[in-house]
C-alpha cells in the first residue's frame, strides 16, 4: 500500500477529514488530497502528518542497482 493510501486509511479510521488534517499540519486541503493520491511531498511534511495522526514515520530505503 502506498504512503498516500496509508495516510488516507489512517485518517479515515480516525474520523478526520482532509480539511481537518490540513489544518492540523498547516497546509492546504489540496495538498493532503495530492499526497493521498500519490503525489510527492517532503519528509518533513510526512513527519508532520504522521505526528498529527499519532503515528510513526518509518523509512525503509530501497536502492536499485544501476544497469
Protein backbone atom coordinates (compact mmCIF):
# COMPACT_ATOMS: atom_id res chain seq x y z
CA UNK A 1 0.00 0.00 0.00
CA UNK A 2 1.41 3.40 -0.95
CA UNK A 3 2.16 6.03 1.69
CA UNK A 4 -0.69 8.17 0.38
CA UNK A 5 -3.18 5.33 0.68
CA UNK A 6 -1.89 4.56 4.18
CA UNK A 7 -2.41 8.18 5.21
CA UNK A 8 -5.94 8.18 3.78
CA UNK A 9 -6.75 4.90 5.54
CA UNK A 10 -5.45 6.02 8.94
CA UNK A 11 -7.09 9.44 8.58
CA UNK A 12 -10.44 7.84 7.73
CA UNK A 13 -10.22 5.39 10.64
CA UNK A 14 -9.55 8.35 12.93
CA UNK A 15 -12.64 10.14 11.62
CA UNK A 16 -10.59 13.09 10.39
CA UNK A 17 -11.40 14.87 7.12
CA UNK A 18 -8.75 16.05 4.68
CA UNK A 19 -9.61 19.62 5.66
CA UNK A 20 -9.14 18.87 9.35
CA UNK A 21 -5.81 17.15 8.74
CA UNK A 22 -4.66 20.03 6.57
CA UNK A 23 -5.42 22.46 9.40
CA UNK A 24 -3.55 20.23 11.86
CA UNK A 25 -0.40 20.30 9.72
CA UNK A 26 -0.75 23.89 8.41
CA UNK A 27 -1.21 23.15 4.73
CA UNK A 28 -3.97 23.31 2.14
CA UNK A 29 -6.57 20.55 1.82
CA UNK A 30 -5.49 20.22 -1.81
CA UNK A 31 -2.01 19.23 -0.61
CA UNK A 32 -3.45 16.41 1.51
CA UNK A 33 -5.51 15.29 -1.49
CA UNK A 34 -2.38 15.32 -3.66
CA UNK A 35 -0.37 13.29 -1.14
CA UNK A 36 -3.16 10.74 -0.65
CA UNK A 37 -3.45 10.46 -4.42
CA UNK A 38 0.20 9.51 -4.78
CA UNK A 39 1.80 12.91 -5.30
CA UNK A 40 5.13 13.71 -3.75
CA UNK A 41 5.89 15.75 -0.67
CA UNK A 42 8.78 16.36 1.70
CA UNK A 43 9.87 14.08 4.51
CA UNK A 44 9.19 16.93 6.92
CA UNK A 45 5.59 17.15 5.75
CA UNK A 46 5.19 13.37 6.05
CA UNK A 47 6.54 13.58 9.60
CA UNK A 48 4.05 16.36 10.42
CA UNK A 49 1.20 14.24 9.07
CA UNK A 50 2.36 11.17 11.00
CA UNK A 51 2.58 13.23 14.20
CA UNK A 52 -0.90 14.68 13.65
CA UNK A 53 -2.33 11.18 13.17
CA UNK A 54 -0.47 9.80 16.21
CA UNK A 55 1.66 7.54 14.05
CA UNK A 56 5.38 7.00 13.45
CA UNK A 57 7.16 7.65 10.17
CA UNK A 58 9.47 4.74 9.39
CA UNK A 59 11.63 4.87 6.29
CA UNK A 60 12.92 1.72 4.63
CA UNK A 61 15.26 2.70 1.80
CA UNK A 62 15.37 0.50 -1.25
CA UNK A 63 18.31 1.05 -3.56
CA UNK A 64 18.19 -0.25 -7.08
CA UNK A 65 21.44 -1.22 -8.75
CA UNK A 66 22.41 0.83 -11.77
CA UNK A 67 22.43 -1.07 -15.01
